[in-house]
Amino acid sequence: MAKTILAVDDSASIRKMVQFTLKGAGYDVVEAVDGQDGLERARNQQVNLVLTDQNMPRMDGLTLIRSLRSMQEYKNVPILVLTTESSGEMKAKGRAAGATGWLVKPFAPQGLVDVVKKVIG
């Protein structure tokens, strides 16, 4: 059975690129348009990995991560941040919120697949 990834990004083009890349590698992808939408989708369907942007309307990535980590079923699910933010300070905030890893946009499709395989197989 394919592993499911929740891709949370307010950019439709980024979501489509992530979906195309990960589906091509054999994963199922559920899309969400912002953190609030991502949280709702995570409540309705258990996923194996969350891939989230940081800067989004309604709920940003760090708030989403903290919200997911407060839920028993997401305490140990890997969460990767995929964002244009690359400062050490933001990465530290991500780790403090519970992020598993940090990827900077633009991303290389094969690099994304490699990281996902490393994290969830």
PDB file of N, CA and C in Angstrom:
ATOM      1  N   MET A   1       0.847  -1.195   0.000  1.00  0.00           N
ATOM      2  CA  MET A   1       0.000   0.000   0.000  1.00  0.00           C
ATOM      3  C   MET A   1       0.884   1.248   0.000  1.00  0.00           C
ATOM      4  N   ALA A   2       0.540   2.188  -0.835  1.00  0.00           N
ATOM      5  CA  ALA A   2       1.342   3.417  -0.951  1.00  0.00           C
ATOM      6  C   ALA A   2       1.219   4.254   0.321  1.00  0.00           C
ATOM      7  N   LYS A   3       2.309   4.899   0.675  1.00  0.00           N
ATOM      8  CA  LYS A   3       2.299   5.801   1.822  1.00  0.00           C
ATOM      9  C   LYS A   3       1.707   7.132   1.382  1.00  0.00           C
ATOM     10  N   THR A   4       1.000   7.781   2.313  1.00  0.00           N
ATOM     11  CA  THR A   4       0.296   9.021   1.997  1.00  0.00           C
ATOM     12  C   THR A   4       1.018  10.218   2.597  1.00  0.00           C
ATOM     13  N   ILE A   5       1.161  11.244   1.768  1.00  0.00           N
ATOM     14  CA  ILE A   5       1.826  12.486   2.168  1.00  0.00           C
ATOM     15  C   ILE A   5       0.828  13.634   2.071  1.00  0.00           C
ATOM     16  N   LEU A   6       0.769  14.445   3.104  1.00  0.00           N
ATOM     17  CA  LEU A   6      -0.056  15.655   3.099  1.00  0.00           C
ATOM     18  C   LEU A   6       0.831  16.814   2.688  1.00  0.00           C
ATOM     19  N   ALA A   7       0.527  17.430   1.548  1.00  0.00           N
ATOM     20  CA  ALA A   7       1.294  18.566   1.028  1.00  0.00           C
ATOM     21  C   ALA A   7       0.501  19.847   1.279  1.00  0.00           C
ATOM     22  N   VAL A   8       1.041  20.726   2.126  1.00  0.00           N
ATOM     23  CA  VAL A   8       0.345  21.951   2.534  1.00  0.00           C
ATOM     24  C   VAL A   8       1.115  23.153   1.997  1.00  0.00           C
ATOM     25  N   ASP A   9       0.500  23.881   1.060  1.00  0.00           N
ATOM     26  CA  ASP A   9       1.147  25.070   0.485  1.00  0.00           C
ATOM     27  C   ASP A   9       0.073  25.936  -0.148  1.00  0.00           C
ATOM     28  N   ASP A  10       0.177  27.247   0.037  1.00  0.00           N
ATOM     29  CA  ASP A  10      -0.813  28.138  -0.557  1.00  0.00           C
ATOM     30  C   ASP A  10      -0.563  28.373  -2.046  1.00  0.00           C
ATOM     31  N   SER A  11       0.559  27.916  -2.569  1.00  0.00           N
ATOM     32  CA  SER A  11       0.858  28.049  -3.994  1.00  0.00           C
ATOM     33  C   SER A  11       0.390  26.804  -4.741  1.00  0.00           C
ATOM     34  N   ALA A  12      -0.594  26.975  -5.620  1.00  0.00           N
ATOM     35  CA  ALA A  12      -1.111  25.844  -6.396  1.00  0.00           C
ATOM     36  C   ALA A  12      -0.016  25.210  -7.241  1.00  0.00           C
ATOM     37  N   SER A  13       0.881  26.032  -7.806  1.00  0.00           N
ATOM     38  CA  SER A  13       1.939  25.478  -8.658  1.00  0.00           C
ATOM     39  C   SER A  13       2.909  24.619  -7.852  1.00  0.00           C
ATOM     40  N   ILE A  14       3.233  25.027  -6.632  1.00  0.00           N
ATOM     41  CA  ILE A  14       4.115  24.224  -5.777  1.00  0.00           C
ATOM     42  C   ILE A  14       3.414  22.921  -5.402  1.00  0.00           C
ATOM     43  N   ARG A  15       2.120  23.000  -5.016  1.00  0.00           N
ATOM     44  CA  ARG A  15       1.386  21.779  -4.669  1.00  0.00           C
ATOM     45  C   ARG A  15       1.383  20.800  -5.836  1.00  0.00           C
ATOM     46  N   LYS A  16       1.141  21.309  -7.036  1.00  0.00           N
ATOM     47  CA  LYS A  16       1.102  20.434  -8.216  1.00  0.00           C
ATOM     48  C   LYS A  16       2.474  19.825  -8.491  1.00  0.00           C
ATOM     49  N   MET A  17       3.526  20.596  -8.316  1.00  0.00           N
ATOM     50  CA  MET A  17       4.872  20.083  -8.543  1.00  0.00           C
ATOM     51  C   MET A  17       5.217  19.007  -7.515  1.00  0.00           C
ATOM     52  N   VAL A  18       4.863  19.248  -6.257  1.00  0.00           N
ATOM     53  CA  VAL A  18       5.097  18.261  -5.197  1.00  0.00           C
ATOM     54  C   VAL A  18       4.288  16.994  -5.501  1.00  0.00           C
ATOM     55  N   GLN A  19       3.028  17.174  -5.851  1.00  0.00           N
ATOM     56  CA  GLN A  19       2.169  16.022  -6.136  1.00  0.00           C
ATOM     57  C   GLN A  19       2.719  15.208  -7.316  1.00  0.00           C
ATOM     58  N   PHE A  20       3.076  15.870  -8.397  1.00  0.00           N
ATOM     59  CA  PHE A  20       3.615  15.207  -9.583  1.00  0.00           C
ATOM     60  C   PHE A  20       4.889  14.431  -9.224  1.00  0.00           C
ATOM     61  N   THR A  21       5.775  15.077  -8.495  1.00  0.00           N
ATOM     62  CA  THR A  21       7.056  14.469  -8.113  1.00  0.00           C
ATOM     63  C   THR A  21       6.853  13.248  -7.225  1.00  0.00           C
ATOM     64  N   LEU A  22       6.030  13.384  -6.195  1.00  0.00           N
ATOM     65  CA  LEU A  22       5.869  12.301  -5.230  1.00  0.00           C
ATOM     66  C   LEU A  22       4.984  11.171  -5.746  1.00  0.00           C
ATOM     67  N   LYS A  23       3.959  11.509  -6.533  1.00  0.00           N
ATOM     68  CA  LYS A  23       3.142  10.449  -7.148  1.00  0.00           C
ATOM     69  C   LYS A  23       3.994   9.615  -8.088  1.00  0.00           C
ATOM     70  N   GLY A  24       4.887  10.286  -8.814  1.00  0.00           N
ATOM     71  CA  GLY A  24       5.787   9.585  -9.722  1.00  0.00           C
ATOM     72  C   GLY A  24       6.722   8.633  -8.995  1.00  0.00           C
ATOM     73  N   ALA A  25       6.958   8.901  -7.712  1.00  0.00           N
ATOM     74  CA  ALA A  25       7.827   8.044  -6.887  1.00  0.00           C
ATOM     75  C   ALA A  25       7.014   6.988  -6.137  1.00  0.00           C
ATOM     76  N   GLY A  26       5.696   6.947  -6.377  1.00  0.00           N
ATOM     77  CA  GLY A  26       4.867   5.907  -5.784  1.00  0.00           C
ATOM     78  C   GLY A  26       4.104   6.272  -4.527  1.00  0.00           C
ATOM     79  N   TYR A  27       4.078   7.548  -4.170  1.00  0.00           N
ATOM     80  CA  TYR A  27       3.360   7.980  -2.975  1.00  0.00           C
ATOM     81  C   TYR A  27       1.983   8.522  -3.350  1.00  0.00           C
ATOM     82  N   ASP A  28       1.033   8.423  -2.409  1.00  0.00           N
ATOM     83  CA  ASP A  28      -0.249   9.098  -2.547  1.00  0.00           C
ATOM     84  C   ASP A  28      -0.080  10.486  -1.938  1.00  0.00           C
ATOM     85  N   VAL A  29      -0.686  11.496  -2.550  1.00  0.00           N
ATOM     86  CA  VAL A  29      -0.546  12.864  -2.057  1.00  0.00           C
ATOM     87  C   VAL A  29      -1.915  13.486  -1.839  1.00  0.00           C
ATOM     88  N   VAL A  30      -2.109  14.052  -0.661  1.00  0.00           N
ATOM     89  CA  VAL A  30      -3.306  14.817  -0.322  1.00  0.00           C
ATOM     90  C   VAL A  30      -2.865  16.265  -0.251  1.00  0.00           C
ATOM     91  N   GLU A  31      -3.590  17.158  -0.920  1.00  0.00           N
ATOM     92  CA  GLU A  31      -3.212  18.570  -0.946  1.00  0.00           C
ATOM     93  C   GLU A  31      -4.063  19.397   0.007  1.00  0.00           C
ATOM     94  N   ALA A  32      -3.441  20.439   0.576  1.00  0.00           N
ATOM     95  CA  ALA A  32      -4.151  21.411   1.409  1.00  0.00           C
ATOM     96  C   ALA A  32      -3.646  22.803   1.038  1.00  0.00           C
ATOM     97  N   VAL A  33      -4.553  23.795   1.040  1.00  0.00           N
ATOM     98  CA  VAL A  33      -4.228  25.132   0.537  1.00  0.00           C
ATOM     99  C   VAL A  33      -3.598  26.060   1.578  1.00  0.00           C
ATOM    100  N   ASP A  34      -3.666  25.697   2.864  1.00  0.00           N
ATOM    101  CA  ASP A  34      -3.029  26.472   3.930  1.00  0.00           C
ATOM    102  C   ASP A  34      -3.014  25.623   5.192  1.00  0.00           C
ATOM    103  N   GLY A  35      -2.447  26.152   6.270  1.00  0.00           N
ATOM    104  CA  GLY A  35      -2.324  25.382   7.491  1.00  0.00           C
ATOM    105  C   GLY A  35      -3.650  24.935   8.077  1.00  0.00           C
ATOM    106  N   GLN A  36      -4.657  25.804   8.037  1.00  0.00           N
ATOM    107  CA  GLN A  36      -5.974  25.451   8.583  1.00  0.00           C
ATOM    108  C   GLN A  36      -6.572  24.275   7.796  1.00  0.00           C
ATOM    109  N   ASP A  37      -6.490  24.345   6.469  1.00  0.00           N
ATOM    110  CA  ASP A  37      -6.976  23.272   5.605  1.00  0.00           C
ATOM    111  C   ASP A  37      -6.169  21.990   5.868  1.00  0.00           C
ATOM    112  N   GLY A  38      -4.863  22.133   6.038  1.00  0.00           N
ATOM    113  CA  GLY A  38      -4.008  20.987   6.314  1.00  0.00           C
ATOM    114  C   GLY A  38      -4.374  20.301   7.623  1.00  0.00           C
ATOM    115  N   LEU A  39      -4.652  21.091   8.648  1.00  0.00           N
ATOM    116  CA  LEU A  39      -5.034  20.540   9.948  1.00  0.00           C
ATOM    117  C   LEU A  39      -6.350  19.771   9.831  1.00  0.00           C
ATOM    118  N   GLU A  40      -7.309  20.339   9.105  1.00  0.00           N
ATOM    119  CA  GLU A  40      -8.594  19.665   8.908  1.00  0.00           C
ATOM    120  C   GLU A  40      -8.410  18.353   8.161  1.00  0.00           C
ATOM    121  N   ARG A  41      -7.585  18.359   7.126  1.00  0.00           N
ATOM    122  CA  ARG A  41      -7.348  17.129   6.352  1.00  0.00           C
ATOM    123  C   ARG A  41      -6.628  16.089   7.201  1.00  0.00           C
ATOM    124  N   ALA A  42      -5.679  16.519   8.031  1.00  0.00           N
ATOM    125  CA  ALA A  42      -4.953  15.591   8.906  1.00  0.00           C
ATOM    126  C   ALA A  42      -5.881  14.969   9.947  1.00  0.00           C
ATOM    127  N   ARG A  43      -6.872  15.711  10.376  1.00  0.00           N
ATOM    128  CA  ARG A  43      -7.842  15.164  11.340  1.00  0.00           C
ATOM    129  C   ARG A  43      -8.724  14.109  10.684  1.00  0.00           C
ATOM    130  N   ASN A  44      -8.995  14.278   9.385  1.00  0.00           N
ATOM    131  CA  ASN A  44      -9.901  13.376   8.668  1.00  0.00           C
ATOM    132  C   ASN A  44      -9.211  12.175   8.047  1.00  0.00           C
ATOM    133  N   GLN A  45      -7.913  12.237   7.860  1.00  0.00           N
ATOM    134  CA  GLN A  45      -7.187  11.141   7.217  1.00  0.00           C
ATOM    135  C   GLN A  45      -5.773  11.072   7.775  1.00  0.00           C
ATOM    136  N   GLN A  46      -5.421   9.939   8.359  1.00  0.00           N
ATOM    137  CA  GLN A  46      -4.067   9.757   8.885  1.00  0.00           C
ATOM    138  C   GLN A  46      -3.096   9.680   7.709  1.00  0.00           C
ATOM    139  N   VAL A  47      -2.000  10.419   7.793  1.00  0.00           N
ATOM    140  CA  VAL A  47      -0.979  10.403   6.741  1.00  0.00           C
ATOM    141  C   VAL A  47       0.356   9.950   7.328  1.00  0.00           C
ATOM    142  N   ASN A  48       1.276   9.551   6.449  1.00  0.00           N
ATOM    143  CA  ASN A  48       2.585   9.054   6.878  1.00  0.00           C
ATOM    144  C   ASN A  48       3.629  10.154   6.991  1.00  0.00           C
ATOM    145  N   LEU A  49       3.359  11.308   6.331  1.00  0.00           N
ATOM    146  CA  LEU A  49       4.311  12.424   6.318  1.00  0.00           C
ATOM    147  C   LEU A  49       3.555  13.704   6.008  1.00  0.00           C
ATOM    148  N   VAL A  50       3.950  14.789   6.659  1.00  0.00           N
ATOM    149  CA  VAL A  50       3.393  16.110   6.354  1.00  0.00           C
ATOM    150  C   VAL A  50       4.522  16.957   5.778  1.00  0.00           C
ATOM    151  N   LEU A  51       4.235  17.594   4.653  1.00  0.00           N
ATOM    152  CA  LEU A  51       5.173  18.495   3.988  1.00  0.00           C
ATOM    153  C   LEU A  51       4.487  19.854   3.955  1.00  0.00           C
ATOM    154  N   THR A  52       5.023  20.838   4.682  1.00  0.00           N
ATOM    155  CA  THR A  52       4.322  22.120   4.793  1.00  0.00           C
ATOM    156  C   THR A  52       5.201  23.316   4.462  1.00  0.00           C
ATOM    157  N   ASP A  53       4.562  24.316   3.870  1.00  0.00           N
ATOM    158  CA  ASP A  53       5.177  25.615   3.662  1.00  0.00           C
ATOM    159  C   ASP A  53       5.141  26.348   5.007  1.00  0.00           C
ATOM    160  N   GLN A  54       5.873  27.434   5.136  1.00  0.00           N
ATOM    161  CA  GLN A  54       5.827  28.242   6.350  1.00  0.00           C
ATOM    162  C   GLN A  54       4.861  29.411   6.188  1.00  0.00           C
ATOM    163  N   ASN A  55       5.048  30.220   5.155  1.00  0.00           N
ATOM    164  CA  ASN A  55       4.269  31.453   4.999  1.00  0.00           C
ATOM    165  C   ASN A  55       2.984  31.196   4.219  1.00  0.00           C
ATOM    166  N   MET A  56       1.856  31.122   4.957  1.00  0.00           N
ATOM    167  CA  MET A  56       0.554  30.871   4.348  1.00  0.00           C
ATOM    168  C   MET A  56      -0.513  31.673   5.070  1.00  0.00           C
ATOM    169  N   PRO A  57      -1.623  31.971   4.383  1.00  0.00           N
ATOM    170  CA  PRO A  57      -2.733  32.661   5.054  1.00  0.00           C
ATOM    171  C   PRO A  57      -3.438  31.726   6.041  1.00  0.00           C
ATOM    172  N   ARG A  58      -4.221  32.287   6.913  1.00  0.00           N
ATOM    173  CA  ARG A  58      -5.036  31.602   7.922  1.00  0.00           C
ATOM    174  C   ARG A  58      -4.224  30.883   8.986  1.00  0.00           C
ATOM    175  N   MET A  59      -3.244  30.059   8.620  1.00  0.00           N
ATOM    176  CA  MET A  59      -2.390  29.390   9.604  1.00  0.00           C
ATOM    177  C   MET A  59      -1.048  29.098   8.951  1.00  0.00           C
ATOM    178  N   ASP A  60       0.030  29.563   9.586  1.00  0.00           N
ATOM    179  CA  ASP A  60       1.361  29.324   9.010  1.00  0.00           C
ATOM    180  C   ASP A  60       1.863  27.921   9.356  1.00  0.00           C
ATOM    181  N   GLY A  61       2.995  27.554   8.777  1.00  0.00           N
ATOM    182  CA  GLY A  61       3.541  26.215   8.948  1.00  0.00           C
ATOM    183  C   GLY A  61       3.911  25.866  10.377  1.00  0.00           C
ATOM    184  N   LEU A  62       4.531  26.809  11.099  1.00  0.00           N
ATOM    185  CA  LEU A  62       4.932  26.516  12.482  1.00  0.00           C
ATOM    186  C   LEU A  62       3.719  26.286  13.378  1.00  0.00           C
ATOM    187  N   THR A  63       2.664  27.051  13.162  1.00  0.00           N
ATOM    188  CA  THR A  63       1.433  26.857  13.939  1.00  0.00           C
ATOM    189  C   THR A  63       0.818  25.506  13.594  1.00  0.00           C
ATOM    190  N   LEU A  64       0.840  25.141  12.317  1.00  0.00           N
ATOM    191  CA  LEU A  64       0.339  23.829  11.900  1.00  0.00           C
ATOM    192  C   LEU A  64       1.135  22.715  12.583  1.00  0.00           C
ATOM    193  N   ILE A  65       2.456  22.840  12.581  1.00  0.00           N
ATOM    194  CA  ILE A  65       3.306  21.810  13.200  1.00  0.00           C
ATOM    195  C   ILE A  65       2.969  21.664  14.685  1.00  0.00           C
ATOM    196  N   ARG A  66       2.879  22.781  15.387  1.00  0.00           N
ATOM    197  CA  ARG A  66       2.548  22.718  16.820  1.00  0.00           C
ATOM    198  C   ARG A  66       1.171  22.074  17.033  1.00  0.00           C
ATOM    199  N   SER A  67       0.210  22.419  16.179  1.00  0.00           N
ATOM    200  CA  SER A  67      -1.143  21.847  16.292  1.00  0.00           C
ATOM    201  C   SER A  67      -1.113  20.341  16.057  1.00  0.00           C
ATOM    202  N   LEU A  68      -0.373  19.907  15.035  1.00  0.00           N
ATOM    203  CA  LEU A  68      -0.280  18.470  14.755  1.00  0.00           C
ATOM    204  C   LEU A  68       0.423  17.732  15.888  1.00  0.00           C
ATOM    205  N   ARG A  69       1.503  18.308  16.396  1.00  0.00           N
ATOM    206  CA  ARG A  69       2.259  17.654  17.469  1.00  0.00           C
ATOM    207  C   ARG A  69       1.443  17.527  18.755  1.00  0.00           C
ATOM    208  N   SER A  70       0.407  18.355  18.914  1.00  0.00           N
ATOM    209  CA  SER A  70      -0.440  18.259  20.104  1.00  0.00           C
ATOM    210  C   SER A  70      -1.442  17.110  19.996  1.00  0.00           C
ATOM    211  N   MET A  71      -1.576  16.534  18.787  1.00  0.00           N
ATOM    212  CA  MET A  71      -2.491  15.420  18.557  1.00  0.00           C
ATOM    213  C   MET A  71      -1.727  14.106  18.715  1.00  0.00           C
ATOM    214  N   GLN A  72      -2.278  13.175  19.497  1.00  0.00           N
ATOM    215  CA  GLN A  72      -1.609  11.905  19.773  1.00  0.00           C
ATOM    216  C   GLN A  72      -1.188  11.190  18.485  1.00  0.00           C
ATOM    217  N   GLU A  73      -2.064  11.175  17.475  1.00  0.00           N
ATOM    218  CA  GLU A  73      -1.772  10.432  16.245  1.00  0.00           C
ATOM    219  C   GLU A  73      -0.682  11.074  15.375  1.00  0.00           C
ATOM    220  N   TYR A  74      -0.252  12.288  15.718  1.00  0.00           N
ATOM    221  CA  TYR A  74       0.803  12.953  14.943  1.00  0.00           C
ATOM    222  C   TYR A  74       2.064  13.237  15.766  1.00  0.00           C
ATOM    223  N   LYS A  75       2.150  12.652  16.951  1.00  0.00           N
ATOM    224  CA  LYS A  75       3.332  12.883  17.790  1.00  0.00           C
ATOM    225  C   LYS A  75       4.617  12.394  17.110  1.00  0.00           C
ATOM    226  N   ASN A  76       4.524  11.286  16.352  1.00  0.00           N
ATOM    227  CA  ASN A  76       5.712  10.689  15.750  1.00  0.00           C
ATOM    228  C   ASN A  76       5.715  10.697  14.227  1.00  0.00           C
ATOM    229  N   VAL A  77       4.752  11.371  13.610  1.00  0.00           N
ATOM    230  CA  VAL A  77       4.706  11.447  12.143  1.00  0.00           C
ATOM    231  C   VAL A  77       5.726  12.496  11.680  1.00  0.00           C
ATOM    232  N   PRO A  78       6.591  12.138  10.734  1.00  0.00           N
ATOM    233  CA  PRO A  78       7.568  13.121  10.249  1.00  0.00           C
ATOM    234  C   PRO A  78       6.884  14.338   9.609  1.00  0.00           C
ATOM    235  N   ILE A  79       7.419  15.513   9.900  1.00  0.00           N
ATOM    236  CA  ILE A  79       6.919  16.763   9.317  1.00  0.00           C
ATOM    237  C   ILE A  79       8.111  17.507   8.730  1.00  0.00           C
ATOM    238  N   LEU A  80       8.058  17.729   7.415  1.00  0.00           N
ATOM    239  CA  LEU A  80       9.109  18.469   6.723  1.00  0.00           C
ATOM    240  C   LEU A  80       8.584  19.838   6.331  1.00  0.00           C
ATOM    241  N   VAL A  81       9.402  20.864   6.516  1.00  0.00           N
ATOM    242  CA  VAL A  81       9.045  22.216   6.101  1.00  0.00           C
ATOM    243  C   VAL A  81       9.702  22.463   4.748  1.00  0.00           C
ATOM    244  N   LEU A  82       8.896  22.865   3.770  1.00  0.00           N
ATOM    245  CA  LEU A  82       9.378  23.201   2.424  1.00  0.00           C
ATOM    246  C   LEU A  82       9.033  24.667   2.194  1.00  0.00           C
ATOM    247  N   THR A  83      10.040  25.544   2.253  1.00  0.00           N
ATOM    248  CA  THR A  83       9.774  26.982   2.274  1.00  0.00           C
ATOM    249  C   THR A  83      10.917  27.770   1.646  1.00  0.00           C
ATOM    250  N   THR A  84      10.679  29.036   1.398  1.00  0.00           N
ATOM    251  CA  THR A  84      11.746  29.924   0.929  1.00  0.00           C
ATOM    252  C   THR A  84      12.575  30.429   2.103  1.00  0.00           C
ATOM    253  N   GLU A  85      12.058  30.252   3.320  1.00  0.00           N
ATOM    254  CA  GLU A  85      12.766  30.690   4.528  1.00  0.00           C
ATOM    255  C   GLU A  85      13.998  29.813   4.745  1.00  0.00           C
ATOM    256  N   SER A  86      15.153  30.429   4.903  1.00  0.00           N
ATOM    257  CA  SER A  86      16.356  29.615   5.081  1.00  0.00           C
ATOM    258  C   SER A  86      17.250  30.078   6.234  1.00  0.00           C
ATOM    259  N   SER A  87      16.783  31.024   7.026  1.00  0.00           N
ATOM    260  CA  SER A  87      17.619  31.536   8.117  1.00  0.00           C
ATOM    261  C   SER A  87      17.753  30.505   9.232  1.00  0.00           C
ATOM    262  N   GLY A  88      18.862  30.545   9.909  1.00  0.00           N
ATOM    263  CA  GLY A  88      19.087  29.664  11.044  1.00  0.00           C
ATOM    264  C   GLY A  88      18.034  29.852  12.123  1.00  0.00           C
ATOM    265  N   GLU A  89      17.602  31.099  12.300  1.00  0.00           N
ATOM    266  CA  GLU A  89      16.585  31.400  13.307  1.00  0.00           C
ATOM    267  C   GLU A  89      15.270  30.691  12.993  1.00  0.00           C
ATOM    268  N   MET A  90      14.850  30.740  11.705  1.00  0.00           N
ATOM    269  CA  MET A  90      13.604  30.078  11.313  1.00  0.00           C
ATOM    270  C   MET A  90      13.725  28.561  11.454  1.00  0.00           C
ATOM    271  N   LYS A  91      14.876  28.022  11.079  1.00  0.00           N
ATOM    272  CA  LYS A  91      15.078  26.571  11.212  1.00  0.00           C
ATOM    273  C   LYS A  91      15.016  26.162  12.682  1.00  0.00           C
ATOM    274  N   ALA A  92      15.590  26.978  13.563  1.00  0.00           N
ATOM    275  CA  ALA A  92      15.546  26.695  15.002  1.00  0.00           C
ATOM    276  C   ALA A  92      14.105  26.730  15.505  1.00  0.00           C
ATOM    277  N   LYS A  93      13.324  27.711  15.033  1.00  0.00           N
ATOM    278  CA  LYS A  93      11.911  27.779  15.411  1.00  0.00           C
ATOM    279  C   LYS A  93      11.173  26.539  14.921  1.00  0.00           C
ATOM    280  N   GLY A  94      11.525  26.082  13.719  1.00  0.00           N
ATOM    281  CA  GLY A  94      10.913  24.877  13.159  1.00  0.00           C
ATOM    282  C   GLY A  94      11.208  23.653  14.015  1.00  0.00           C
ATOM    283  N   ARG A  95      12.477  23.500  14.413  1.00  0.00           N
ATOM    284  CA  ARG A  95      12.854  22.376  15.273  1.00  0.00           C
ATOM    285  C   ARG A  95      12.111  22.453  16.606  1.00  0.00           C
ATOM    286  N   ALA A  96      12.036  23.662  17.161  1.00  0.00           N
ATOM    287  CA  ALA A  96      11.358  23.844  18.448  1.00  0.00           C
ATOM    288  C   ALA A  96       9.869  23.496  18.341  1.00  0.00           C
ATOM    289  N   ALA A  97       9.265  23.768  17.176  1.00  0.00           N
ATOM    290  CA  ALA A  97       7.846  23.464  16.970  1.00  0.00           C
ATOM    291  C   ALA A  97       7.619  21.971  16.761  1.00  0.00           C
ATOM    292  N   GLY A  98       8.679  21.258  16.349  1.00  0.00           N
ATOM    293  CA  GLY A  98       8.540  19.821  16.146  1.00  0.00           C
ATOM    294  C   GLY A  98       8.809  19.349  14.730  1.00  0.00           C
ATOM    295  N   ALA A  99       9.370  20.215  13.877  1.00  0.00           N
ATOM    296  CA  ALA A  99       9.673  19.814  12.500  1.00  0.00           C
ATOM    297  C   ALA A  99      10.778  18.759  12.491  1.00  0.00           C
ATOM    298  N   THR A 100      10.646  17.807  11.587  1.00  0.00           N
ATOM    299  CA  THR A 100      11.635  16.739  11.436  1.00  0.00           C
ATOM    300  C   THR A 100      12.799  17.218  10.570  1.00  0.00           C
ATOM    301  N   GLY A 101      12.478  18.034   9.559  1.00  0.00           N
ATOM    302  CA  GLY A 101      13.503  18.512   8.643  1.00  0.00           C
ATOM    303  C   GLY A 101      13.062  19.777   7.936  1.00  0.00           C
ATOM    304  N   TRP A 102      13.985  20.370   7.165  1.00  0.00           N
ATOM    305  CA  TRP A 102      13.765  21.669   6.525  1.00  0.00           C
ATOM    306  C   TRP A 102      14.321  21.632   5.114  1.00  0.00           C
ATOM    307  N   LEU A 103      13.494  21.923   4.135  1.00  0.00           N
ATOM    308  CA  LEU A 103      13.909  21.982   2.730  1.00  0.00           C
ATOM    309  C   LEU A 103      13.635  23.381   2.206  1.00  0.00           C
ATOM    310  N   VAL A 104      14.538  23.891   1.391  1.00  0.00           N
ATOM    311  CA  VAL A 104      14.393  25.258   0.876  1.00  0.00           C
ATOM    312  C   VAL A 104      13.947  25.230  -0.585  1.00  0.00           C
ATOM    313  N   LYS A 105      12.950  26.076  -0.898  1.00  0.00           N
ATOM    314  CA  LYS A 105      12.486  26.254  -2.283  1.00  0.00           C
ATOM    315  C   LYS A 105      13.452  27.181  -2.994  1.00  0.00           C
ATOM    316  N   PRO A 106      13.629  27.067  -4.282  1.00  0.00           N
ATOM    317  CA  PRO A 106      13.068  25.996  -5.115  1.00  0.00           C
ATOM    318  C   PRO A 106      13.763  24.678  -4.813  1.00  0.00           C
ATOM    319  N   PHE A 107      13.036  23.572  -5.002  1.00  0.00           N
ATOM    320  CA  PHE A 107      13.599  22.268  -4.684  1.00  0.00           C
ATOM    321  C   PHE A 107      13.857  21.469  -5.958  1.00  0.00           C
ATOM    322  N   ALA A 108      14.836  20.588  -5.881  1.00  0.00           N
ATOM    323  CA  ALA A 108      15.107  19.657  -6.974  1.00  0.00           C
ATOM    324  C   ALA A 108      14.187  18.457  -6.763  1.00  0.00           C
ATOM    325  N   PRO A 109      13.389  18.092  -7.761  1.00  0.00           N
ATOM    326  CA  PRO A 109      12.451  16.978  -7.580  1.00  0.00           C
ATOM    327  C   PRO A 109      13.109  15.711  -7.017  1.00  0.00           C
ATOM    328  N   GLN A 110      14.246  15.313  -7.562  1.00  0.00           N
ATOM    329  CA  GLN A 110      14.886  14.089  -7.065  1.00  0.00           C
ATOM    330  C   GLN A 110      15.365  14.264  -5.628  1.00  0.00           C
ATOM    331  N   GLY A 111      15.780  15.476  -5.276  1.00  0.00           N
ATOM    332  CA  GLY A 111      16.183  15.753  -3.901  1.00  0.00           C
ATOM    333  C   GLY A 111      15.018  15.577  -2.935  1.00  0.00           C
ATOM    334  N   LEU A 112      13.836  16.041  -3.343  1.00  0.00           N
ATOM    335  CA  LEU A 112      12.644  15.883  -2.510  1.00  0.00           C
ATOM    336  C   LEU A 112      12.327  14.402  -2.323  1.00  0.00           C
ATOM    337  N   VAL A 113      12.346  13.643  -3.413  1.00  0.00           N
ATOM    338  CA  VAL A 113      12.074  12.210  -3.338  1.00  0.00           C
ATOM    339  C   VAL A 113      13.085  11.519  -2.427  1.00  0.00           C
ATOM    340  N   ASP A 114      14.349  11.879  -2.561  1.00  0.00           N
ATOM    341  CA  ASP A 114      15.396  11.271  -1.734  1.00  0.00           C
ATOM    342  C   ASP A 114      15.154  11.520  -0.245  1.00  0.00           C
ATOM    343  N   VAL A 115      14.787  12.755   0.101  1.00  0.00           N
ATOM    344  CA  VAL A 115      14.527  13.087   1.511  1.00  0.00           C
ATOM    345  C   VAL A 115      13.309  12.324   2.020  1.00  0.00           C
ATOM    346  N   VAL A 116      12.244  12.285   1.234  1.00  0.00           N
ATOM    347  CA  VAL A 116      11.032  11.581   1.647  1.00  0.00           C
ATOM    348  C   VAL A 116      11.329  10.090   1.844  1.00  0.00           C
ATOM    349  N   LYS A 117      12.062   9.497   0.922  1.00  0.00           N
ATOM    350  CA  LYS A 117      12.414   8.066   1.057  1.00  0.00           C
ATOM    351  C   LYS A 117      13.242   7.832   2.311  1.00  0.00           C
ATOM    352  N   LYS A 118      14.132   8.747   2.609  1.00  0.00           N
ATOM    353  CA  LYS A 118      14.978   8.623   3.798  1.00  0.00           C
ATOM    354  C   LYS A 118      14.134   8.688   5.071  1.00  0.00           C
ATOM    355  N   VAL A 119      13.100   9.518   5.048  1.00  0.00           N
ATOM    356  CA  VAL A 119      12.294   9.746   6.252  1.00  0.00           C
ATOM    357  C   VAL A 119      11.214   8.683   6.449  1.00  0.00           C
ATOM    358  N   ILE A 120      10.533   8.277   5.368  1.00  0.00           N
ATOM    359  CA  ILE A 120       9.428   7.314   5.539  1.00  0.00           C
ATOM    360  C   ILE A 120       9.565   6.043   4.707  1.00  0.00           C
ATOM    361  N   GLY A 121      10.622   5.948   3.913  1.00  0.00           N
ATOM    362  CA  GLY A 121      10.834   4.730   3.118  1.00  0.00           C
ATOM    363  C   GLY A 121      10.099   4.714   1.805  1.00  0.00           C
TER     364      GLY A 121
END
